[in-house]
Protein backbone atom coordinates (compact mmCIF):
# COMPACT_ATOMS: atom_id res chain seq x y z
CA UNK A 1 6.35 34.10 -4.41
CA UNK A 2 2.76 32.89 -3.95
CA UNK A 3 2.46 31.91 -7.65
CA UNK A 4 5.78 29.99 -7.65
CA UNK A 5 4.57 27.91 -4.64
CA UNK A 6 1.32 27.06 -6.40
CA UNK A 7 3.20 25.97 -9.48
CA UNK A 8 5.45 23.75 -7.33
CA UNK A 9 2.45 22.11 -5.70
CA UNK A 10 0.76 21.57 -9.07
CA UNK A 11 3.91 19.91 -10.45
CA UNK A 12 4.21 17.76 -7.39
CA UNK A 13 0.62 16.62 -7.67
CA UNK A 14 1.15 15.73 -11.42
CA UNK A 15 4.17 13.58 -10.53
CA UNK A 16 2.18 11.89 -7.72
CA UNK A 17 -0.82 11.11 -9.94
CA UNK A 18 1.51 9.76 -12.71
CA UNK A 19 3.08 7.32 -10.17
CA UNK A 20 -0.33 6.22 -8.77
CA UNK A 21 -1.73 5.59 -12.29
CA UNK A 22 0.95 2.95 -12.85
CA UNK A 23 0.23 1.36 -9.41
CA UNK A 24 -3.51 0.95 -10.07
CA UNK A 25 -2.58 -1.87 -12.43
CA UNK A 26 -1.53 -3.96 -9.46
CA UNK A 27 -4.72 -3.38 -7.43
CA UNK A 28 -4.80 -6.90 -5.99
CA UNK A 29 -2.03 -5.94 -3.55
CA UNK A 30 -2.05 -3.20 -0.91
CA UNK A 31 -0.05 -0.06 -1.53
CA UNK A 32 2.96 0.98 0.63
CA UNK A 33 2.88 4.76 0.61
CA UNK A 34 5.74 6.91 1.93
CA UNK A 35 5.75 10.56 3.01
CA UNK A 36 8.85 12.54 3.83
CA UNK A 37 8.76 15.91 5.50
CA UNK A 38 11.63 18.06 6.58
CA UNK A 39 11.66 16.58 10.11
CA UNK A 40 9.86 13.26 9.90
CA UNK A 41 9.35 10.11 7.81
CA UNK A 42 6.10 8.22 7.55
CA UNK A 43 5.07 5.01 5.83
CA UNK A 44 1.81 3.20 5.65
CA UNK A 45 0.21 0.26 3.94
CA UNK A 46 -3.19 1.10 2.39
CA UNK A 47 -5.89 -1.11 0.99
CA UNK A 48 -7.34 1.04 -1.88
CA UNK A 49 -10.29 -1.25 -2.51
CA UNK A 50 -11.59 -0.86 1.08
CA UNK A 51 -10.15 2.63 1.46
CA UNK A 52 -8.41 2.08 4.78
CA UNK A 53 -4.97 1.98 6.27
CA UNK A 54 -3.91 -1.46 7.34
CA UNK A 55 -0.78 -0.51 9.24
CA UNK A 56 1.56 2.40 9.58
CA UNK A 57 4.87 3.43 11.11
CA UNK A 58 6.65 6.71 11.63
CA UNK A 59 9.98 7.87 13.09
CA UNK A 60 8.24 9.35 16.17
CA UNK A 61 7.31 5.84 17.26
CA UNK A 62 10.98 4.70 17.09
CA UNK A 63 12.33 7.59 19.25
CA UNK A 64 15.87 7.41 18.14
CA UNK A 65 17.55 10.84 18.37
CA UNK A 66 20.64 11.93 16.49
CA UNK A 67 20.67 9.58 13.58
CA UNK A 68 20.68 10.49 9.89
CA UNK A 69 17.37 10.64 7.94
CA UNK A 70 18.39 7.75 5.65
CA UNK A 71 19.06 5.48 8.69
CA UNK A 72 15.76 6.60 10.22
CA UNK A 73 13.81 5.75 7.05
CA UNK A 74 15.41 2.25 7.11
CA UNK A 75 14.26 1.74 10.70
CA UNK A 76 10.75 2.91 9.82
CA UNK A 77 10.66 0.51 6.83
CA UNK A 78 11.78 -2.40 8.99
CA UNK A 79 9.17 -1.52 11.68
CA UNK A 80 6.44 -1.32 9.06
CA UNK A 81 7.38 -4.66 7.49
CA UNK A 82 7.29 -6.32 10.94
CA UNK A 83 3.79 -4.93 11.49
CA UNK A 84 2.64 -6.03 8.04
CA UNK A 85 3.93 -9.60 8.52
CA UNK A 86 2.00 -9.78 11.87
CA UNK A 87 -1.18 -8.98 9.90
CA UNK A 88 -0.17 -11.62 7.28
CA UNK A 89 0.50 -9.08 4.51
CA UNK A 90 3.39 -10.49 2.47
CA UNK A 91 3.29 -8.58 -0.83
CA UNK A 92 2.69 -4.87 -1.52
CA UNK A 93 3.16 -2.35 -4.26
CA UNK A 94 5.59 0.44 -3.45
CA UNK A 95 4.18 3.98 -3.98
CA UNK A 96 7.04 6.55 -3.88
CA UNK A 97 4.61 9.42 -4.54
CA UNK A 98 6.26 12.45 -6.07
CA UNK A 99 9.67 11.60 -4.62
CA UNK A 100 12.61 10.16 -6.51
CA UNK A 101 13.74 6.61 -5.66
CA UNK A 102 16.91 7.42 -3.85
CA UNK A 103 18.12 8.31 -0.30
CA UNK A 104 15.50 7.89 2.40
CA UNK A 105 12.84 6.51 0.03
CA UNK A 106 15.17 3.86 -1.30
CA UNK A 107 16.38 2.96 2.22
CA UNK A 108 12.78 2.45 3.41
CA UNK A 109 12.03 0.11 0.47
CA UNK A 110 15.23 -1.95 0.93
CA UNK A 111 14.66 -2.32 4.64
CA UNK A 112 11.12 -3.57 3.97
CA UNK A 113 12.49 -6.14 1.51
CA UNK A 114 15.21 -7.30 4.01
CA UNK A 115 12.55 -7.68 6.76
CA UNK A 116 10.55 -10.13 4.52
CA UNK A 117 8.06 -7.97 2.71
CA UNK A 118 7.83 -8.61 -1.01
CA UNK A 119 7.71 -5.51 -3.14
């Protein structure tokens, strides 16, 4: 069991690094990174050149109970886009990490686009 878990983490890290390698080509824009756990959804905009987080949003800030994870991710994406536009961030590069672009990840990206953030 222990060995299978390590292999899973190694494969996940490989997928994440493969995605980030492609994103480094667009280093003039900040990176919109998403993280999805079993209970929560997090998104943040990171400036890799300075090494700091510019703004972030999570489902715990929204405090909406009883809605589906895809709908919650869309609300998190809209909240993050509103915070980014306040800080005059208009264009970002989307970092999906090791996740596939569907479901909650896709809903977050589409909500950011609808709120006015250019991805």
